[in-house]
ModelCIF file with pLDDT and N, C-alpha, C, O atoms, coordinates in Angstrom:
data_MODEL
#
_entry.id   MODEL 
#
_entity.id                         1 
_entity.type                       polymer 
_entity.pdbx_number_of_molecules   1 
#
_entity_poly.entity_id                      1 
_entity_poly.type                           'polypeptide(L)' 
_entity_poly.nstd_linkage                   no 
_entity_poly.nstd_monomer                   no 
_entity_poly.pdbx_seq_one_letter_code       STRFGGPLRKTEVLINGLPIWWHALQPFRFDSRVRQLILVAPS 
_entity_poly.pdbx_seq_one_letter_code_can   STRFGGPLRKTEVLINGLPIWWHALQPFRFDSRVRQLILVAPS 
_entity_poly.pdbx_strand_id                 A 
#
loop_
_entity_poly_seq.entity_id 
_entity_poly_seq.num 
_entity_poly_seq.mon_id 
_entity_poly_seq.hetero 
1 1  SER n 
1 2  THR n 
1 3  ARG n 
1 4  PHE n 
1 5  GLY n 
1 6  GLY n 
1 7  PRO n 
1 8  LEU n 
1 9  ARG n 
1 10 LYS n 
1 11 THR n 
1 12 GLU n 
1 13 VAL n 
1 14 LEU n 
1 15 ILE n 
1 16 ASN n 
1 17 GLY n 
1 18 LEU n 
1 19 PRO n 
1 20 ILE n 
1 21 TRP n 
1 22 TRP n 
1 23 HIS n 
1 24 ALA n 
1 25 LEU n 
1 26 GLN n 
1 27 PRO n 
1 28 PHE n 
1 29 ARG n 
1 30 PHE n 
1 31 ASP n 
1 32 SER n 
1 33 ARG n 
1 34 VAL n 
1 35 ARG n 
1 36 GLN n 
1 37 LEU n 
1 38 ILE n 
1 39 LEU n 
1 40 VAL n 
1 41 ALA n 
1 42 PRO n 
1 43 SER n 
#
_struct_asym.id          A 
_struct_asym.entity_id   1 
#
loop_
_ma_qa_metric.id 
_ma_qa_metric.mode 
_ma_qa_metric.name 
_ma_qa_metric.software_group_id 
_ma_qa_metric.type 
1 global pLDDT . pLDDT 
2 local  pLDDT . pLDDT 
#
_ma_qa_metric_global.metric_id      1 
_ma_qa_metric_global.metric_value   84.63 
_ma_qa_metric_global.model_id       1 
_ma_qa_metric_global.ordinal_id     1 
#
loop_
_ma_qa_metric_local.label_asym_id 
_ma_qa_metric_local.label_comp_id 
_ma_qa_metric_local.label_seq_id 
_ma_qa_metric_local.metric_id 
_ma_qa_metric_local.metric_value 
_ma_qa_metric_local.model_id 
_ma_qa_metric_local.ordinal_id 
A SER 1  2 52.00 1 1  
A THR 2  2 51.00 1 2  
A ARG 3  2 53.00 1 3  
A PHE 4  2 56.00 1 4  
A GLY 5  2 51.00 1 5  
A GLY 6  2 56.00 1 6  
A PRO 7  2 50.00 1 7  
A LEU 8  2 55.00 1 8  
A ARG 9  2 72.00 1 9  
A LYS 10 2 74.00 1 10 
A THR 11 2 74.00 1 11 
A GLU 12 2 78.00 1 12 
A VAL 13 2 84.00 1 13 
A LEU 14 2 89.00 1 14 
A ILE 15 2 91.00 1 15 
A ASN 16 2 88.00 1 16 
A GLY 17 2 89.00 1 17 
A LEU 18 2 93.00 1 18 
A PRO 19 2 94.00 1 19 
A ILE 20 2 94.00 1 20 
A TRP 21 2 95.00 1 21 
A TRP 22 2 96.00 1 22 
A HIS 23 2 95.00 1 23 
A ALA 24 2 96.00 1 24 
A LEU 25 2 96.00 1 25 
A GLN 26 2 95.00 1 26 
A PRO 27 2 95.00 1 27 
A PHE 28 2 97.00 1 28 
A ARG 29 2 93.00 1 29 
A PHE 30 2 89.00 1 30 
A ASP 31 2 93.00 1 31 
A SER 32 2 94.00 1 32 
A ARG 33 2 96.00 1 33 
A VAL 34 2 98.00 1 34 
A ARG 35 2 97.00 1 35 
A GLN 36 2 98.00 1 36 
A LEU 37 2 98.00 1 37 
A ILE 38 2 98.00 1 38 
A LEU 39 2 98.00 1 39 
A VAL 40 2 97.00 1 40 
A ALA 41 2 95.00 1 41 
A PRO 42 2 93.00 1 42 
A SER 43 2 93.00 1 43 
#
loop_
_atom_site.group_PDB 
_atom_site.id 
_atom_site.type_symbol 
_atom_site.label_atom_id 
_atom_site.label_alt_id 
_atom_site.label_comp_id 
_atom_site.label_asym_id 
_atom_site.label_entity_id 
_atom_site.label_seq_id 
_atom_site.pdbx_PDB_ins_code 
_atom_site.Cartn_x 
_atom_site.Cartn_y 
_atom_site.Cartn_z 
_atom_site.occupancy 
_atom_site.B_iso_or_equiv 
_atom_site.pdbx_formal_charge 
_atom_site.auth_seq_id 
_atom_site.auth_comp_id 
_atom_site.auth_asym_id 
_atom_site.auth_atom_id 
_atom_site.pdbx_PDB_model_num 
ATOM 1   N N  . SER A 1 1  ? 94.910  105.677 81.768  1.00 52.00 ? 1  SER A N  1 
ATOM 2   C CA . SER A 1 1  ? 95.948  105.270 80.765  1.00 52.00 ? 1  SER A CA 1 
ATOM 3   C C  . SER A 1 1  ? 95.457  105.162 79.544  1.00 52.00 ? 1  SER A C  1 
ATOM 4   O O  . SER A 1 1  ? 95.980  104.308 78.827  1.00 52.00 ? 1  SER A O  1 
ATOM 5   N N  . THR A 1 2  ? 94.289  106.020 78.960  1.00 51.00 ? 2  THR A N  1 
ATOM 6   C CA . THR A 1 2  ? 93.985  106.034 77.492  1.00 51.00 ? 2  THR A CA 1 
ATOM 7   C C  . THR A 1 2  ? 94.870  106.213 76.549  1.00 51.00 ? 2  THR A C  1 
ATOM 8   O O  . THR A 1 2  ? 94.640  105.695 75.456  1.00 51.00 ? 2  THR A O  1 
ATOM 9   N N  . ARG A 1 3  ? 95.997  106.926 76.727  1.00 53.00 ? 3  ARG A N  1 
ATOM 10  C CA . ARG A 1 3  ? 97.015  107.529 75.783  1.00 53.00 ? 3  ARG A CA 1 
ATOM 11  C C  . ARG A 1 3  ? 98.181  106.372 75.993  1.00 53.00 ? 3  ARG A C  1 
ATOM 12  O O  . ARG A 1 3  ? 99.029  106.332 75.101  1.00 53.00 ? 3  ARG A O  1 
ATOM 13  N N  . PHE A 1 4  ? 98.288  105.583 76.900  1.00 56.00 ? 4  PHE A N  1 
ATOM 14  C CA . PHE A 1 4  ? 99.487  104.830 76.918  1.00 56.00 ? 4  PHE A CA 1 
ATOM 15  C C  . PHE A 1 4  ? 99.477  103.504 75.963  1.00 56.00 ? 4  PHE A C  1 
ATOM 16  O O  . PHE A 1 4  ? 100.492 103.071 75.418  1.00 56.00 ? 4  PHE A O  1 
ATOM 17  N N  . GLY A 1 5  ? 98.341  102.999 75.857  1.00 51.00 ? 5  GLY A N  1 
ATOM 18  C CA . GLY A 1 5  ? 98.174  101.868 74.812  1.00 51.00 ? 5  GLY A CA 1 
ATOM 19  C C  . GLY A 1 5  ? 98.934  100.711 75.499  1.00 51.00 ? 5  GLY A C  1 
ATOM 20  O O  . GLY A 1 5  ? 99.450  100.796 76.614  1.00 51.00 ? 5  GLY A O  1 
ATOM 21  N N  . GLY A 1 6  ? 98.943  99.638  74.717  1.00 56.00 ? 6  GLY A N  1 
ATOM 22  C CA . GLY A 1 6  ? 99.293  98.156  75.282  1.00 56.00 ? 6  GLY A CA 1 
ATOM 23  C C  . GLY A 1 6  ? 98.189  97.516  76.142  1.00 56.00 ? 6  GLY A C  1 
ATOM 24  O O  . GLY A 1 6  ? 97.113  98.045  76.422  1.00 56.00 ? 6  GLY A O  1 
ATOM 25  N N  . PRO A 1 7  ? 98.567  96.437  76.475  1.00 50.00 ? 7  PRO A N  1 
ATOM 26  C CA . PRO A 1 7  ? 97.724  95.435  77.323  1.00 50.00 ? 7  PRO A CA 1 
ATOM 27  C C  . PRO A 1 7  ? 97.630  95.886  78.780  1.00 50.00 ? 7  PRO A C  1 
ATOM 28  O O  . PRO A 1 7  ? 96.607  95.605  79.405  1.00 50.00 ? 7  PRO A O  1 
ATOM 29  N N  . LEU A 1 8  ? 98.688  96.610  79.410  1.00 55.00 ? 8  LEU A N  1 
ATOM 30  C CA . LEU A 1 8  ? 98.636  97.019  80.715  1.00 55.00 ? 8  LEU A CA 1 
ATOM 31  C C  . LEU A 1 8  ? 98.435  98.690  80.786  1.00 55.00 ? 8  LEU A C  1 
ATOM 32  O O  . LEU A 1 8  ? 98.671  99.528  79.915  1.00 55.00 ? 8  LEU A O  1 
ATOM 33  N N  . ARG A 1 9  ? 97.890  98.865  82.204  1.00 72.00 ? 9  ARG A N  1 
ATOM 34  C CA . ARG A 1 9  ? 97.528  100.191 82.414  1.00 72.00 ? 9  ARG A CA 1 
ATOM 35  C C  . ARG A 1 9  ? 98.865  100.603 83.085  1.00 72.00 ? 9  ARG A C  1 
ATOM 36  O O  . ARG A 1 9  ? 99.645  99.746  83.499  1.00 72.00 ? 9  ARG A O  1 
ATOM 37  N N  . LYS A 1 10 ? 99.122  101.974 83.186  1.00 74.00 ? 10 LYS A N  1 
ATOM 38  C CA . LYS A 1 10 ? 100.739 102.711 83.801  1.00 74.00 ? 10 LYS A CA 1 
ATOM 39  C C  . LYS A 1 10 ? 100.864 101.959 85.053  1.00 74.00 ? 10 LYS A C  1 
ATOM 40  O O  . LYS A 1 10 ? 101.901 101.358 85.332  1.00 74.00 ? 10 LYS A O  1 
ATOM 41  N N  . THR A 1 11 ? 99.684  101.981 85.926  1.00 74.00 ? 11 THR A N  1 
ATOM 42  C CA . THR A 1 11 ? 100.229 101.545 87.394  1.00 74.00 ? 11 THR A CA 1 
ATOM 43  C C  . THR A 1 11 ? 100.585 100.081 87.357  1.00 74.00 ? 11 THR A C  1 
ATOM 44  O O  . THR A 1 11 ? 101.111 99.660  88.388  1.00 74.00 ? 11 THR A O  1 
ATOM 45  N N  . GLU A 1 12 ? 100.387 99.138  86.283  1.00 78.00 ? 12 GLU A N  1 
ATOM 46  C CA . GLU A 1 12 ? 100.782 97.951  86.138  1.00 78.00 ? 12 GLU A CA 1 
ATOM 47  C C  . GLU A 1 12 ? 102.247 97.734  85.708  1.00 78.00 ? 12 GLU A C  1 
ATOM 48  O O  . GLU A 1 12 ? 102.794 96.663  85.972  1.00 78.00 ? 12 GLU A O  1 
ATOM 49  N N  . VAL A 1 13 ? 102.852 98.642  85.102  1.00 84.00 ? 13 VAL A N  1 
ATOM 50  C CA . VAL A 1 13 ? 103.896 98.708  84.156  1.00 84.00 ? 13 VAL A CA 1 
ATOM 51  C C  . VAL A 1 13 ? 105.156 98.773  85.273  1.00 84.00 ? 13 VAL A C  1 
ATOM 52  O O  . VAL A 1 13 ? 105.173 99.601  86.184  1.00 84.00 ? 13 VAL A O  1 
ATOM 53  N N  . LEU A 1 14 ? 106.167 97.806  85.065  1.00 89.00 ? 14 LEU A N  1 
ATOM 54  C CA . LEU A 1 14 ? 107.276 97.931  85.966  1.00 89.00 ? 14 LEU A CA 1 
ATOM 55  C C  . LEU A 1 14 ? 108.544 98.492  85.202  1.00 89.00 ? 14 LEU A C  1 
ATOM 56  O O  . LEU A 1 14 ? 108.760 98.300  84.005  1.00 89.00 ? 14 LEU A O  1 
ATOM 57  N N  . ILE A 1 15 ? 109.305 99.168  86.012  1.00 91.00 ? 15 ILE A N  1 
ATOM 58  C CA . ILE A 1 15 ? 110.668 99.718  85.633  1.00 91.00 ? 15 ILE A CA 1 
ATOM 59  C C  . ILE A 1 15 ? 111.637 99.119  86.594  1.00 91.00 ? 15 ILE A C  1 
ATOM 60  O O  . ILE A 1 15 ? 111.497 99.463  87.768  1.00 91.00 ? 15 ILE A O  1 
ATOM 61  N N  . ASN A 1 16 ? 112.616 98.267  86.300  1.00 88.00 ? 16 ASN A N  1 
ATOM 62  C CA . ASN A 1 16 ? 113.509 97.645  87.072  1.00 88.00 ? 16 ASN A CA 1 
ATOM 63  C C  . ASN A 1 16 ? 112.681 96.833  88.135  1.00 88.00 ? 16 ASN A C  1 
ATOM 64  O O  . ASN A 1 16 ? 113.064 96.825  89.305  1.00 88.00 ? 16 ASN A O  1 
ATOM 65  N N  . GLY A 1 17 ? 111.606 96.184  87.765  1.00 89.00 ? 17 GLY A N  1 
ATOM 66  C CA . GLY A 1 17 ? 111.076 95.553  88.888  1.00 89.00 ? 17 GLY A CA 1 
ATOM 67  C C  . GLY A 1 17 ? 110.053 96.125  89.495  1.00 89.00 ? 17 GLY A C  1 
ATOM 68  O O  . GLY A 1 17 ? 109.196 95.312  89.841  1.00 89.00 ? 17 GLY A O  1 
ATOM 69  N N  . LEU A 1 18 ? 109.850 97.127  89.729  1.00 93.00 ? 18 LEU A N  1 
ATOM 70  C CA . LEU A 1 18 ? 108.970 98.006  90.524  1.00 93.00 ? 18 LEU A CA 1 
ATOM 71  C C  . LEU A 1 18 ? 108.106 99.169  89.790  1.00 93.00 ? 18 LEU A C  1 
ATOM 72  O O  . LEU A 1 18 ? 108.565 99.988  88.993  1.00 93.00 ? 18 LEU A O  1 
ATOM 73  N N  . PRO A 1 19 ? 106.763 99.070  90.223  1.00 94.00 ? 19 PRO A N  1 
ATOM 74  C CA . PRO A 1 19 ? 105.885 99.922  89.273  1.00 94.00 ? 19 PRO A CA 1 
ATOM 75  C C  . PRO A 1 19 ? 106.272 101.575 89.288  1.00 94.00 ? 19 PRO A C  1 
ATOM 76  O O  . PRO A 1 19 ? 106.899 102.131 90.190  1.00 94.00 ? 19 PRO A O  1 
ATOM 77  N N  . ILE A 1 20 ? 105.835 102.102 88.282  1.00 94.00 ? 20 ILE A N  1 
ATOM 78  C CA . ILE A 1 20 ? 106.217 103.447 88.167  1.00 94.00 ? 20 ILE A CA 1 
ATOM 79  C C  . ILE A 1 20 ? 105.897 104.322 89.116  1.00 94.00 ? 20 ILE A C  1 
ATOM 80  O O  . ILE A 1 20 ? 106.716 105.211 89.350  1.00 94.00 ? 20 ILE A O  1 
ATOM 81  N N  . TRP A 1 21 ? 104.895 104.285 89.726  1.00 95.00 ? 21 TRP A N  1 
ATOM 82  C CA . TRP A 1 21 ? 104.363 105.098 91.007  1.00 95.00 ? 21 TRP A CA 1 
ATOM 83  C C  . TRP A 1 21 ? 105.335 105.033 92.092  1.00 95.00 ? 21 TRP A C  1 
ATOM 84  O O  . TRP A 1 21 ? 105.502 105.962 92.882  1.00 95.00 ? 21 TRP A O  1 
ATOM 85  N N  . TRP A 1 22 ? 106.042 103.815 92.130  1.00 96.00 ? 22 TRP A N  1 
ATOM 86  C CA . TRP A 1 22 ? 107.030 103.271 93.376  1.00 96.00 ? 22 TRP A CA 1 
ATOM 87  C C  . TRP A 1 22 ? 108.198 104.562 92.997  1.00 96.00 ? 22 TRP A C  1 
ATOM 88  O O  . TRP A 1 22 ? 108.452 105.480 93.777  1.00 96.00 ? 22 TRP A O  1 
ATOM 89  N N  . HIS A 1 23 ? 108.717 104.420 91.856  1.00 95.00 ? 23 HIS A N  1 
ATOM 90  C CA . HIS A 1 23 ? 109.829 105.200 91.436  1.00 95.00 ? 23 HIS A CA 1 
ATOM 91  C C  . HIS A 1 23 ? 109.616 106.856 91.732  1.00 95.00 ? 23 HIS A C  1 
ATOM 92  O O  . HIS A 1 23 ? 110.469 107.561 92.272  1.00 95.00 ? 23 HIS A O  1 
ATOM 93  N N  . ALA A 1 24 ? 108.407 107.281 91.301  1.00 96.00 ? 24 ALA A N  1 
ATOM 94  C CA . ALA A 1 24 ? 107.939 108.517 91.570  1.00 96.00 ? 24 ALA A CA 1 
ATOM 95  C C  . ALA A 1 24 ? 107.827 108.868 92.997  1.00 96.00 ? 24 ALA A C  1 
ATOM 96  O O  . ALA A 1 24 ? 108.146 110.043 93.183  1.00 96.00 ? 24 ALA A O  1 
ATOM 97  N N  . LEU A 1 25 ? 107.463 108.212 94.115  1.00 96.00 ? 25 LEU A N  1 
ATOM 98  C CA . LEU A 1 25 ? 107.451 108.571 95.304  1.00 96.00 ? 25 LEU A CA 1 
ATOM 99  C C  . LEU A 1 25 ? 108.741 108.425 96.050  1.00 96.00 ? 25 LEU A C  1 
ATOM 100 O O  . LEU A 1 25 ? 108.888 108.944 97.156  1.00 96.00 ? 25 LEU A O  1 
ATOM 101 N N  . GLN A 1 26 ? 109.716 107.696 95.434  1.00 95.00 ? 26 GLN A N  1 
ATOM 102 C CA . GLN A 1 26 ? 111.002 107.456 96.286  1.00 95.00 ? 26 GLN A CA 1 
ATOM 103 C C  . GLN A 1 26 ? 111.687 108.839 96.868  1.00 95.00 ? 26 GLN A C  1 
ATOM 104 O O  . GLN A 1 26 ? 111.885 108.952 98.077  1.00 95.00 ? 26 GLN A O  1 
ATOM 105 N N  . PRO A 1 27 ? 111.971 109.683 96.117  1.00 95.00 ? 27 PRO A N  1 
ATOM 106 C CA . PRO A 1 27 ? 112.428 110.924 96.685  1.00 95.00 ? 27 PRO A CA 1 
ATOM 107 C C  . PRO A 1 27 ? 111.885 111.462 97.876  1.00 95.00 ? 27 PRO A C  1 
ATOM 108 O O  . PRO A 1 27 ? 112.555 111.862 98.829  1.00 95.00 ? 27 PRO A O  1 
ATOM 109 N N  . PHE A 1 28 ? 110.498 111.461 97.785  1.00 97.00 ? 28 PHE A N  1 
ATOM 110 C CA . PHE A 1 28 ? 109.848 112.242 98.974  1.00 97.00 ? 28 PHE A CA 1 
ATOM 111 C C  . PHE A 1 28 ? 109.956 111.274 100.276 1.00 97.00 ? 28 PHE A C  1 
ATOM 112 O O  . PHE A 1 28 ? 109.815 111.736 101.409 1.00 97.00 ? 28 PHE A O  1 
ATOM 113 N N  . ARG A 1 29 ? 110.171 110.131 100.073 1.00 93.00 ? 29 ARG A N  1 
ATOM 114 C CA . ARG A 1 29 ? 110.397 109.136 101.369 1.00 93.00 ? 29 ARG A CA 1 
ATOM 115 C C  . ARG A 1 29 ? 111.688 109.732 101.933 1.00 93.00 ? 29 ARG A C  1 
ATOM 116 O O  . ARG A 1 29 ? 111.780 109.711 103.160 1.00 93.00 ? 29 ARG A O  1 
ATOM 117 N N  . PHE A 1 30 ? 112.657 110.238 101.264 1.00 89.00 ? 30 PHE A N  1 
ATOM 118 C CA . PHE A 1 30 ? 114.032 110.365 101.833 1.00 89.00 ? 30 PHE A CA 1 
ATOM 119 C C  . PHE A 1 30 ? 114.228 112.188 102.518 1.00 89.00 ? 30 PHE A C  1 
ATOM 120 O O  . PHE A 1 30 ? 115.175 112.651 103.154 1.00 89.00 ? 30 PHE A O  1 
ATOM 121 N N  . ASP A 1 31 ? 112.926 112.877 102.068 1.00 93.00 ? 31 ASP A N  1 
ATOM 122 C CA . ASP A 1 31 ? 112.952 114.278 102.943 1.00 93.00 ? 31 ASP A CA 1 
ATOM 123 C C  . ASP A 1 31 ? 112.603 114.242 103.851 1.00 93.00 ? 31 ASP A C  1 
ATOM 124 O O  . ASP A 1 31 ? 111.437 113.868 103.975 1.00 93.00 ? 31 ASP A O  1 
ATOM 125 N N  . SER A 1 32 ? 113.272 114.555 104.895 1.00 94.00 ? 32 SER A N  1 
ATOM 126 C CA . SER A 1 32 ? 112.933 114.627 106.350 1.00 94.00 ? 32 SER A CA 1 
ATOM 127 C C  . SER A 1 32 ? 111.618 115.527 106.880 1.00 94.00 ? 32 SER A C  1 
ATOM 128 O O  . SER A 1 32 ? 111.135 115.464 108.011 1.00 94.00 ? 32 SER A O  1 
ATOM 129 N N  . ARG A 1 33 ? 111.210 116.289 105.895 1.00 96.00 ? 33 ARG A N  1 
ATOM 130 C CA . ARG A 1 33 ? 109.918 117.408 106.093 1.00 96.00 ? 33 ARG A CA 1 
ATOM 131 C C  . ARG A 1 33 ? 108.661 116.308 105.766 1.00 96.00 ? 33 ARG A C  1 
ATOM 132 O O  . ARG A 1 33 ? 107.555 116.450 106.287 1.00 96.00 ? 33 ARG A O  1 
ATOM 133 N N  . VAL A 1 34 ? 108.966 115.230 104.865 1.00 98.00 ? 34 VAL A N  1 
ATOM 134 C CA . VAL A 1 34 ? 107.487 114.416 104.694 1.00 98.00 ? 34 VAL A CA 1 
ATOM 135 C C  . VAL A 1 34 ? 107.042 113.711 105.919 1.00 98.00 ? 34 VAL A C  1 
ATOM 136 O O  . VAL A 1 34 ? 107.728 112.845 106.463 1.00 98.00 ? 34 VAL A O  1 
ATOM 137 N N  . ARG A 1 35 ? 105.955 114.074 106.318 1.00 97.00 ? 35 ARG A N  1 
ATOM 138 C CA . ARG A 1 35 ? 105.217 113.055 107.406 1.00 97.00 ? 35 ARG A CA 1 
ATOM 139 C C  . ARG A 1 35 ? 104.113 112.343 107.047 1.00 97.00 ? 35 ARG A C  1 
ATOM 140 O O  . ARG A 1 35 ? 103.555 111.655 107.902 1.00 97.00 ? 35 ARG A O  1 
ATOM 141 N N  . GLN A 1 36 ? 103.605 112.400 105.674 1.00 98.00 ? 36 GLN A N  1 
ATOM 142 C CA . GLN A 1 36 ? 102.676 111.429 105.186 1.00 98.00 ? 36 GLN A CA 1 
ATOM 143 C C  . GLN A 1 36 ? 102.540 111.361 103.587 1.00 98.00 ? 36 GLN A C  1 
ATOM 144 O O  . GLN A 1 36 ? 102.527 112.309 102.802 1.00 98.00 ? 36 GLN A O  1 
ATOM 145 N N  . LEU A 1 37 ? 102.461 110.238 103.363 1.00 98.00 ? 37 LEU A N  1 
ATOM 146 C CA . LEU A 1 37 ? 102.552 109.820 101.919 1.00 98.00 ? 37 LEU A CA 1 
ATOM 147 C C  . LEU A 1 37 ? 101.112 109.174 101.565 1.00 98.00 ? 37 LEU A C  1 
ATOM 148 O O  . LEU A 1 37 ? 100.617 108.303 102.280 1.00 98.00 ? 37 LEU A O  1 
ATOM 149 N N  . ILE A 1 38 ? 100.442 109.703 100.330 1.00 98.00 ? 38 ILE A N  1 
ATOM 150 C CA . ILE A 1 38 ? 99.210  109.283 100.065 1.00 98.00 ? 38 ILE A CA 1 
ATOM 151 C C  . ILE A 1 38 ? 99.144  108.981 98.690  1.00 98.00 ? 38 ILE A C  1 
ATOM 152 O O  . ILE A 1 38 ? 99.471  109.874 97.909  1.00 98.00 ? 38 ILE A O  1 
ATOM 153 N N  . LEU A 1 39 ? 98.716  107.689 98.165  1.00 98.00 ? 39 LEU A N  1 
ATOM 154 C CA . LEU A 1 39 ? 98.793  107.528 96.801  1.00 98.00 ? 39 LEU A CA 1 
ATOM 155 C C  . LEU A 1 39 ? 97.415  107.406 96.448  1.00 98.00 ? 39 LEU A C  1 
ATOM 156 O O  . LEU A 1 39 ? 96.686  106.823 97.251  1.00 98.00 ? 39 LEU A O  1 
ATOM 157 N N  . VAL A 1 40 ? 96.877  107.900 95.276  1.00 97.00 ? 40 VAL A N  1 
ATOM 158 C CA . VAL A 1 40 ? 95.611  107.977 94.798  1.00 97.00 ? 40 VAL A CA 1 
ATOM 159 C C  . VAL A 1 40 ? 95.580  106.973 93.625  1.00 97.00 ? 40 VAL A C  1 
ATOM 160 O O  . VAL A 1 40 ? 96.114  107.157 92.531  1.00 97.00 ? 40 VAL A O  1 
ATOM 161 N N  . ALA A 1 41 ? 94.938  105.975 93.977  1.00 95.00 ? 41 ALA A N  1 
ATOM 162 C CA . ALA A 1 41 ? 95.030  104.880 92.686  1.00 95.00 ? 41 ALA A CA 1 
ATOM 163 C C  . ALA A 1 41 ? 93.512  104.877 91.982  1.00 95.00 ? 41 ALA A C  1 
ATOM 164 O O  . ALA A 1 41 ? 92.495  105.465 92.351  1.00 95.00 ? 41 ALA A O  1 
ATOM 165 N N  . PRO A 1 42 ? 93.727  104.012 90.848  1.00 93.00 ? 42 PRO A N  1 
ATOM 166 C CA . PRO A 1 42 ? 92.261  104.090 90.153  1.00 93.00 ? 42 PRO A CA 1 
ATOM 167 C C  . PRO A 1 42 ? 91.409  103.341 90.723  1.00 93.00 ? 42 PRO A C  1 
ATOM 168 O O  . PRO A 1 42 ? 91.664  102.179 91.039  1.00 93.00 ? 42 PRO A O  1 
ATOM 169 N N  . SER A 1 43 ? 90.053  104.034 90.970  1.00 93.00 ? 43 SER A N  1 
ATOM 170 C CA . SER A 1 43 ? 88.938  103.417 91.651  1.00 93.00 ? 43 SER A CA 1 
ATOM 171 C C  . SER A 1 43 ? 88.181  102.272 90.910  1.00 93.00 ? 43 SER A C  1 
ATOM 172 O O  . SER A 1 43 ? 87.224  101.715 91.448  1.00 93.00 ? 43 SER A O  1 
#
């Protein structure tokens, strides 16, 4: 998140009370072809 700026990392920022990455994965949850969801987080 070097280009994001501010006191928070992007993984910590909330939209509508939920993290950005949570919104990003929602449509995949509702596709019947998805069998595995993997999130790669900051080490």
